[in-house]
Protein backbone atom coordinates (compact mmCIF):
# COMPACT_ATOMS: atom_id res chain seq x y z
CA UNK A 1 0.00 0.00 0.00
CA UNK A 2 2.77 2.44 0.93
CA UNK A 3 4.69 1.60 -2.24
CA UNK A 4 1.50 2.25 -4.23
CA UNK A 5 1.06 5.65 -2.55
CA UNK A 6 4.61 6.70 -3.37
CA UNK A 7 4.38 5.48 -6.95
CA UNK A 8 1.12 7.42 -7.31
CA UNK A 9 2.92 10.37 -5.73
CA UNK A 10 5.65 10.13 -8.36
CA UNK A 11 3.02 10.22 -11.07
CA UNK A 12 1.32 13.22 -9.50
CA UNK A 13 4.59 15.08 -9.01
CA UNK A 14 5.53 14.58 -12.64
CA UNK A 15 2.02 15.36 -13.91
CA UNK A 16 2.01 18.18 -16.40
CA UNK A 17 5.48 17.47 -17.71
CA UNK A 18 5.53 17.55 -21.47
CA UNK A 19 8.52 15.24 -21.73
CA UNK A 20 9.76 12.35 -19.67
CA UNK A 21 9.91 12.29 -15.90
CA UNK A 22 11.80 15.16 -14.28
CA UNK A 23 13.64 12.58 -12.18
CA UNK A 24 16.86 10.72 -12.92
CA UNK A 25 17.06 7.17 -14.17
CA UNK A 26 18.90 6.40 -10.92
CA UNK A 27 15.72 7.16 -8.96
CA UNK A 28 13.68 4.87 -11.19
CA UNK A 29 16.20 2.05 -10.78
CA UNK A 30 16.35 2.56 -7.02
CA UNK A 31 12.57 2.59 -6.62
CA UNK A 32 12.28 -0.63 -8.63
CA UNK A 33 14.37 -2.50 -6.09
CA UNK A 34 13.10 -0.70 -2.99
CA UNK A 35 11.16 -3.07 -0.76
CA UNK A 36 10.46 -0.99 2.32
CA UNK A 37 9.39 2.54 3.08
CA UNK A 38 12.89 3.19 4.41
CA UNK A 39 14.34 2.00 1.08
CA UNK A 40 12.05 4.39 -0.80
CA UNK A 41 13.03 7.26 1.50
CA UNK A 42 16.68 6.49 0.78
CA UNK A 43 15.97 6.58 -2.97
CA UNK A 44 14.15 9.91 -2.67
CA UNK A 45 16.83 11.41 -0.45
CA UNK A 46 19.56 10.36 -2.87
CA UNK A 47 17.59 11.91 -5.75
CA UNK A 48 17.29 15.19 -3.86
CA UNK A 49 21.05 15.08 -3.26
CA UNK A 50 21.79 14.34 -6.93
CA UNK A 51 19.65 17.23 -8.11
CA UNK A 52 21.21 19.64 -5.60
CA UNK A 53 24.73 18.53 -6.57
CA UNK A 54 23.98 18.96 -10.28
CA UNK A 55 22.73 22.51 -9.68
CA UNK A 56 25.85 23.34 -7.64
CA UNK A 57 28.12 21.94 -10.36
CA UNK A 58 26.44 24.05 -13.02
CA UNK A 59 26.66 27.20 -10.88
CA UNK A 60 30.38 26.51 -10.30
CA UNK A 61 30.88 26.26 -14.07
CA UNK A 62 28.57 29.18 -14.84
CA UNK A 63 30.08 31.87 -12.61
CA UNK A 64 33.49 31.99 -14.35
CA UNK A 65 31.73 32.09 -17.75
CA UNK A 66 29.60 35.00 -16.57
CA UNK A 67 32.69 36.87 -15.39
CA UNK A 68 34.53 36.09 -18.64
CA UNK A 69 31.59 37.36 -20.68
CA UNK A 70 32.46 40.89 -19.67
CA UNK A 71 28.85 41.58 -18.77
CA UNK A 72 28.92 43.89 -15.73
CA UNK A 73 27.09 42.42 -12.76
CA UNK A 74 26.38 39.04 -14.38
CA UNK A 75 28.03 36.93 -11.69
CA UNK A 76 26.45 39.00 -8.92
CA UNK A 77 23.03 38.53 -10.53
CA UNK A 78 23.58 34.78 -10.76
CA UNK A 79 24.62 34.60 -7.11
CA UNK A 80 21.57 36.64 -6.13
CA UNK A 81 19.30 34.39 -8.18
CA UNK A 82 20.74 31.38 -6.31
CA UNK A 83 19.98 33.03 -2.96
CA UNK A 84 16.44 33.82 -4.08
CA UNK A 85 15.99 30.30 -5.51
CA UNK A 86 16.88 28.79 -2.13
CA UNK A 87 14.33 31.04 -0.40
CA UNK A 88 11.70 30.22 -3.02
CA UNK A 89 12.19 26.45 -2.87
CA UNK A 90 12.11 26.50 0.95
CA UNK A 91 8.90 28.57 0.90
CA UNK A 92 7.35 26.34 -1.77
CA UNK A 93 7.92 23.24 0.33
CA UNK A 94 6.44 24.95 3.38
CA UNK A 95 3.41 25.93 1.31
CA UNK A 96 3.11 22.38 0.01
CA UNK A 97 3.31 20.91 3.52
CA UNK A 98 2.19 23.69 5.90
CA UNK A 99 1.07 21.59 8.89
CA UNK A 100 3.13 21.94 12.05
CA UNK A 101 2.93 18.20 12.76
CA UNK A 102 3.85 16.90 9.35
CA UNK A 103 3.81 13.21 10.28
CA UNK A 104 0.29 13.48 11.68
CA UNK A 105 -0.98 15.57 8.78
CA UNK A 106 0.72 13.84 5.85
CA UNK A 107 1.41 10.37 7.12
CA UNK A 108 4.38 8.09 7.18
CA UNK A 109 5.34 8.81 3.57
CA UNK A 110 5.81 12.54 4.24
CA UNK A 111 9.63 12.47 4.24
CA UNK A 112 9.77 10.53 0.98
CA UNK A 113 7.22 12.76 -0.73
CA UNK A 114 8.97 15.87 0.57
CA UNK A 115 12.34 14.72 -0.82
CA UNK A 116 10.74 13.85 -4.16
CA UNK A 117 9.16 17.29 -4.36
CA UNK A 118 12.48 18.90 -3.45
CA UNK A 119 14.20 16.87 -6.18
CA UNK A 120 11.54 17.91 -8.71
CA UNK A 121 12.08 21.57 -7.81
CA UNK A 122 15.84 21.15 -8.05
CA UNK A 123 15.66 19.48 -11.47
CA UNK A 124 13.52 22.38 -12.70
CA UNK A 125 16.20 24.71 -11.37
CA UNK A 126 18.90 22.68 -13.14
CA UNK A 127 17.03 23.18 -16.43
CA UNK A 128 16.97 26.94 -15.86
CA UNK A 129 20.67 26.96 -14.96
CA UNK A 130 21.45 25.07 -18.16
CA UNK A 131 19.68 27.81 -20.13
CA UNK A 132 21.88 30.39 -18.40
CA UNK A 133 24.92 28.25 -19.10
CA UNK A 134 24.05 28.18 -22.81
CA UNK A 135 23.53 31.94 -22.77
CA UNK A 136 26.96 32.64 -21.31
CA UNK A 137 28.68 29.97 -23.41
CA UNK A 138 27.38 31.64 -26.58
CA UNK A 139 28.93 35.00 -25.65
């Protein structure tokens, strides 16, 4: 039953995507072998970590390109957008799960669903960072 709820949650989280799942193939492979709720939480947590690491890698590559572009203030704007992104994603997750007692309100799958939502947000952010990366690579 729990596995069904999380799989349904994955479908709901990715609903509205025009292409394939926003998640990595590693998450899919992990979820296929997960047998317990703890296993699924580990898969979701690892996915959130992967998405966060990918965003950080792109930012680390992007900042020198922005500086090299000769565009005044570009790197400062990118750093500011990262600060604002962090505030936005934190606020979004609070809005998604506003109850004070999250376990009571959202059940035992809360942590897994939260990490999956965080990963989805992060992958969307990665896509935006890649657009910036293309922009500054073209200059």
